[in-house]
Every structure is written in structure tokens, then in C-alpha cells.
């Protein structure tokens, strides 16, 4: 599970992209955080990513273009990433 804490004007990180980075620069599929996908619908802000081996890092590209890397601890079920300018 990946939970983002965005800046004050976008606390859920809507529009961010997340992916797993493996050794050798290989990367997993990219997931985009969306607010809604249809009439009267709301997507969950928490993303669920599978692992295809030992992950080097979780990468986030925020809507403002900034990229961050977060480490994934052994046996971690959830990773929380806070935008560098988030005050919440």
C-alpha cells in the first residue's frame, strides 16, 4: 500500500504517479492517483502495488514535477510518502 501526503492544496496527491524501482534500474508498472473515474465515483487515494522481487525504492512523481524516492522496509505493508513541501 502506498499512501501519499501532498501539499495543502492537494493533500491526497491527486495526479501523482507511483512505481517500484528494482535493482539495475528496472521499474514496475506506474500507477496514477486519480480523484474519480466516472459518474458519481471516487477512487481511493491509497494505491496497492505488487512486488516482483526485492525493491530498491518507491518512486513518486508529484503533479508539480518533483520526484521523490522512499525506501521500503523489509516486510512493510504500507509506505507513506510526504511531499517535500507538505505541511500536514
N, C-alpha and C. Protein backbone atom coordinates (compact mmCIF):
# COMPACT_ATOMS: atom_id res chain seq x y z
N UNK A 1 0.85 -1.18 0.00
CA UNK A 1 0.00 0.00 0.00
C UNK A 1 0.89 1.23 0.00
N UNK A 2 0.47 2.21 -0.77
CA UNK A 2 1.20 3.47 -0.86
C UNK A 2 0.23 4.60 -0.55
N UNK A 3 0.51 5.36 0.50
CA UNK A 3 -0.31 6.50 0.89
C UNK A 3 0.52 7.76 0.73
N UNK A 4 -0.03 8.73 0.02
CA UNK A 4 0.68 9.99 -0.21
C UNK A 4 0.10 11.09 0.66
N UNK A 5 0.95 11.99 1.08
CA UNK A 5 0.54 13.20 1.81
C UNK A 5 1.07 14.37 1.00
N UNK A 6 0.19 14.95 0.21
CA UNK A 6 0.59 16.04 -0.67
C UNK A 6 0.58 17.38 0.01
N UNK A 7 0.82 18.44 -0.75
CA UNK A 7 0.80 19.79 -0.19
C UNK A 7 -0.63 20.20 0.20
N UNK A 8 -0.76 21.32 0.88
CA UNK A 8 -2.06 21.75 1.42
C UNK A 8 -3.15 21.85 0.37
N UNK A 9 -2.81 22.25 -0.85
CA UNK A 9 -3.83 22.40 -1.89
C UNK A 9 -4.16 21.09 -2.59
N UNK A 10 -3.46 19.99 -2.25
CA UNK A 10 -3.71 18.68 -2.85
C UNK A 10 -3.26 17.59 -1.85
N UNK A 11 -3.95 17.48 -0.71
CA UNK A 11 -3.48 16.60 0.36
C UNK A 11 -3.43 15.12 0.00
N UNK A 12 -4.23 14.66 -0.96
CA UNK A 12 -4.21 13.25 -1.35
C UNK A 12 -3.23 12.97 -2.48
N UNK A 13 -2.59 13.99 -3.00
CA UNK A 13 -1.62 13.78 -4.08
C UNK A 13 -2.27 13.40 -5.40
N UNK A 14 -3.47 13.91 -5.66
CA UNK A 14 -4.17 13.60 -6.91
C UNK A 14 -3.31 14.04 -8.09
N UNK A 15 -3.11 13.14 -9.05
CA UNK A 15 -2.29 13.42 -10.22
C UNK A 15 -0.86 12.90 -10.09
N UNK A 16 -0.50 12.42 -8.90
CA UNK A 16 0.85 11.86 -8.72
C UNK A 16 0.94 10.50 -9.39
N UNK A 17 2.15 10.10 -9.73
CA UNK A 17 2.43 8.78 -10.28
C UNK A 17 3.38 8.06 -9.34
N UNK A 18 3.14 6.78 -9.11
CA UNK A 18 3.99 5.98 -8.22
C UNK A 18 4.41 4.69 -8.92
N UNK A 19 5.64 4.25 -8.63
CA UNK A 19 6.13 2.98 -9.16
C UNK A 19 7.23 2.45 -8.27
N UNK A 20 7.49 1.15 -8.42
CA UNK A 20 8.56 0.48 -7.69
C UNK A 20 9.79 0.45 -8.57
N UNK A 21 10.94 0.73 -7.97
CA UNK A 21 12.21 0.66 -8.69
C UNK A 21 13.01 -0.52 -8.13
N UNK A 22 13.48 -1.39 -9.03
CA UNK A 22 14.25 -2.56 -8.66
C UNK A 22 15.72 -2.35 -9.00
N UNK A 23 16.56 -3.26 -8.56
CA UNK A 23 17.99 -3.15 -8.86
C UNK A 23 18.21 -3.17 -10.37
N UNK A 24 19.29 -2.53 -10.79
CA UNK A 24 19.62 -2.46 -12.20
C UNK A 24 18.78 -1.45 -12.97
N UNK A 25 18.01 -0.61 -12.25
CA UNK A 25 17.21 0.41 -12.92
C UNK A 25 15.88 -0.08 -13.45
N UNK A 26 15.58 -1.36 -13.27
CA UNK A 26 14.29 -1.90 -13.73
C UNK A 26 13.18 -1.30 -12.88
N UNK A 27 12.06 -1.01 -13.51
CA UNK A 27 10.95 -0.44 -12.76
C UNK A 27 9.65 -1.17 -13.07
N UNK A 28 8.79 -1.16 -12.06
CA UNK A 28 7.49 -1.79 -12.20
C UNK A 28 6.50 -0.86 -12.87
N UNK A 29 5.27 -1.32 -13.02
CA UNK A 29 4.24 -0.50 -13.64
C UNK A 29 3.96 0.78 -12.85
N UNK A 30 3.60 1.82 -13.56
CA UNK A 30 3.27 3.10 -12.94
C UNK A 30 1.78 3.15 -12.64
N UNK A 31 1.44 3.62 -11.44
CA UNK A 31 0.05 3.84 -11.06
C UNK A 31 -0.16 5.33 -10.87
N UNK A 32 -1.28 5.83 -11.32
CA UNK A 32 -1.61 7.25 -11.17
C UNK A 32 -2.70 7.39 -10.10
N UNK A 33 -2.56 8.38 -9.25
CA UNK A 33 -3.56 8.68 -8.23
C UNK A 33 -4.62 9.56 -8.89
N UNK A 34 -5.86 9.06 -8.92
CA UNK A 34 -6.96 9.78 -9.57
C UNK A 34 -8.05 10.10 -8.56
N UNK A 35 -8.82 11.13 -8.86
CA UNK A 35 -9.91 11.52 -7.96
C UNK A 35 -11.21 10.82 -8.32
N UNK A 36 -11.47 10.57 -9.56
CA UNK A 36 -12.71 9.94 -9.97
C UNK A 36 -12.57 9.39 -11.37
N UNK A 37 -13.31 8.33 -11.65
CA UNK A 37 -13.17 7.72 -12.96
C UNK A 37 -14.50 7.58 -13.69
N UNK A 38 -15.54 8.12 -13.13
CA UNK A 38 -16.84 8.02 -13.78
C UNK A 38 -17.89 8.79 -13.01
N UNK A 39 -19.09 8.72 -13.47
CA UNK A 39 -20.21 9.43 -12.87
C UNK A 39 -20.43 8.97 -11.44
N UNK A 40 -20.43 9.88 -10.50
CA UNK A 40 -20.65 9.64 -9.08
C UNK A 40 -19.67 8.61 -8.50
N UNK A 41 -18.44 8.66 -8.94
CA UNK A 41 -17.47 7.71 -8.43
C UNK A 41 -16.29 8.43 -7.79
N UNK A 42 -15.58 7.72 -6.94
CA UNK A 42 -14.40 8.27 -6.29
C UNK A 42 -13.41 7.13 -6.12
N UNK A 43 -12.21 7.29 -6.67
CA UNK A 43 -11.16 6.30 -6.49
C UNK A 43 -10.54 6.49 -5.11
N UNK A 44 -10.02 5.43 -4.56
CA UNK A 44 -9.29 5.51 -3.30
C UNK A 44 -7.94 6.18 -3.54
N UNK A 45 -7.49 6.99 -2.61
CA UNK A 45 -6.21 7.67 -2.76
C UNK A 45 -5.03 6.74 -2.50
N UNK A 46 -5.26 5.69 -1.72
CA UNK A 46 -4.19 4.73 -1.42
C UNK A 46 -4.04 3.77 -2.59
N UNK A 47 -2.82 3.61 -3.07
CA UNK A 47 -2.52 2.71 -4.18
C UNK A 47 -1.97 1.39 -3.64
N UNK A 48 -2.28 0.29 -4.31
CA UNK A 48 -1.77 -1.01 -3.94
C UNK A 48 -0.88 -1.50 -5.07
N UNK A 49 0.39 -1.75 -4.74
CA UNK A 49 1.37 -2.21 -5.72
C UNK A 49 1.89 -3.58 -5.31
N UNK A 50 2.07 -4.47 -6.28
CA UNK A 50 2.67 -5.76 -6.01
C UNK A 50 4.17 -5.69 -6.21
N UNK A 51 4.88 -6.61 -5.61
CA UNK A 51 6.33 -6.66 -5.76
C UNK A 51 6.71 -7.87 -6.60
N UNK A 52 7.67 -7.68 -7.49
CA UNK A 52 8.18 -8.75 -8.33
C UNK A 52 9.64 -9.02 -7.97
N UNK A 53 9.95 -8.99 -6.69
CA UNK A 53 11.32 -9.17 -6.23
C UNK A 53 11.64 -8.16 -5.16
N UNK A 54 12.92 -8.04 -4.83
CA UNK A 54 13.40 -7.10 -3.82
C UNK A 54 13.40 -5.69 -4.40
N UNK A 55 12.65 -4.80 -3.79
CA UNK A 55 12.54 -3.42 -4.27
C UNK A 55 13.68 -2.57 -3.73
N UNK A 56 14.21 -1.72 -4.58
CA UNK A 56 15.23 -0.75 -4.17
C UNK A 56 14.56 0.47 -3.53
N UNK A 57 13.48 0.93 -4.14
CA UNK A 57 12.81 2.14 -3.65
C UNK A 57 11.41 2.25 -4.26
N UNK A 58 10.61 3.08 -3.63
CA UNK A 58 9.33 3.51 -4.19
C UNK A 58 9.57 4.90 -4.75
N UNK A 59 9.18 5.13 -5.97
CA UNK A 59 9.38 6.44 -6.60
C UNK A 59 8.02 7.12 -6.75
N UNK A 60 8.01 8.44 -6.53
CA UNK A 60 6.80 9.25 -6.68
C UNK A 60 7.13 10.45 -7.56
N UNK A 61 6.33 10.68 -8.58
CA UNK A 61 6.41 11.91 -9.35
C UNK A 61 5.13 12.69 -9.05
N UNK A 62 5.31 13.82 -8.34
CA UNK A 62 4.19 14.65 -7.93
C UNK A 62 3.68 15.46 -9.12
N UNK A 63 2.44 15.96 -9.05
CA UNK A 63 1.88 16.76 -10.14
C UNK A 63 2.71 18.00 -10.49
N UNK A 64 3.47 18.53 -9.52
CA UNK A 64 4.30 19.70 -9.80
C UNK A 64 5.63 19.33 -10.47
N UNK A 65 5.84 18.04 -10.77
CA UNK A 65 7.03 17.58 -11.47
C UNK A 65 8.15 17.10 -10.58
N UNK A 66 8.06 17.34 -9.28
CA UNK A 66 9.11 16.88 -8.36
C UNK A 66 9.07 15.36 -8.26
N UNK A 67 10.23 14.76 -8.12
CA UNK A 67 10.33 13.32 -7.92
C UNK A 67 10.96 13.04 -6.57
N UNK A 68 10.46 12.02 -5.91
CA UNK A 68 10.98 11.60 -4.62
C UNK A 68 11.17 10.10 -4.63
N UNK A 69 12.11 9.63 -3.84
CA UNK A 69 12.30 8.20 -3.62
C UNK A 69 12.09 7.93 -2.14
N UNK A 70 11.43 6.83 -1.84
CA UNK A 70 11.22 6.42 -0.45
C UNK A 70 11.67 4.97 -0.32
N UNK A 71 12.31 4.68 0.78
CA UNK A 71 12.74 3.30 1.00
C UNK A 71 11.56 2.45 1.45
N UNK A 72 11.66 1.17 1.14
CA UNK A 72 10.63 0.21 1.53
C UNK A 72 11.28 -0.77 2.50
N UNK A 73 10.85 -0.74 3.73
CA UNK A 73 11.43 -1.63 4.74
C UNK A 73 11.04 -3.08 4.51
N UNK A 74 11.89 -3.98 4.93
CA UNK A 74 11.57 -5.41 4.80
C UNK A 74 10.28 -5.73 5.54
N UNK A 75 9.37 -6.39 4.86
CA UNK A 75 8.11 -6.77 5.46
C UNK A 75 7.11 -5.64 5.61
N UNK A 76 7.38 -4.48 5.02
CA UNK A 76 6.46 -3.33 5.14
C UNK A 76 5.16 -3.61 4.39
N UNK A 77 4.06 -3.25 5.01
CA UNK A 77 2.75 -3.39 4.38
C UNK A 77 2.29 -2.07 3.77
N UNK A 78 2.78 -0.96 4.32
CA UNK A 78 2.38 0.35 3.82
C UNK A 78 3.56 1.30 3.87
N UNK A 79 3.66 2.12 2.83
CA UNK A 79 4.68 3.16 2.76
C UNK A 79 3.96 4.49 2.64
N UNK A 80 4.31 5.44 3.50
CA UNK A 80 3.73 6.78 3.44
C UNK A 80 4.80 7.74 2.95
N UNK A 81 4.44 8.52 1.94
CA UNK A 81 5.37 9.48 1.37
C UNK A 81 4.76 10.87 1.49
N UNK A 82 5.51 11.78 2.10
CA UNK A 82 5.06 13.16 2.30
C UNK A 82 5.76 14.05 1.29
N UNK A 83 4.99 14.86 0.58
CA UNK A 83 5.53 15.84 -0.36
C UNK A 83 6.52 16.72 0.38
N UNK A 84 7.62 17.07 -0.25
CA UNK A 84 8.66 17.84 0.42
C UNK A 84 8.17 19.15 1.00
N UNK A 85 7.11 19.73 0.43
CA UNK A 85 6.59 20.99 0.94
C UNK A 85 5.28 20.82 1.70
N UNK A 86 4.90 19.58 1.98
CA UNK A 86 3.63 19.34 2.69
C UNK A 86 3.75 19.82 4.13
N UNK A 87 2.72 20.48 4.59
CA UNK A 87 2.74 20.98 5.97
C UNK A 87 1.74 20.23 6.84
N UNK A 88 1.07 19.22 6.29
CA UNK A 88 0.07 18.49 7.08
C UNK A 88 0.64 17.25 7.71
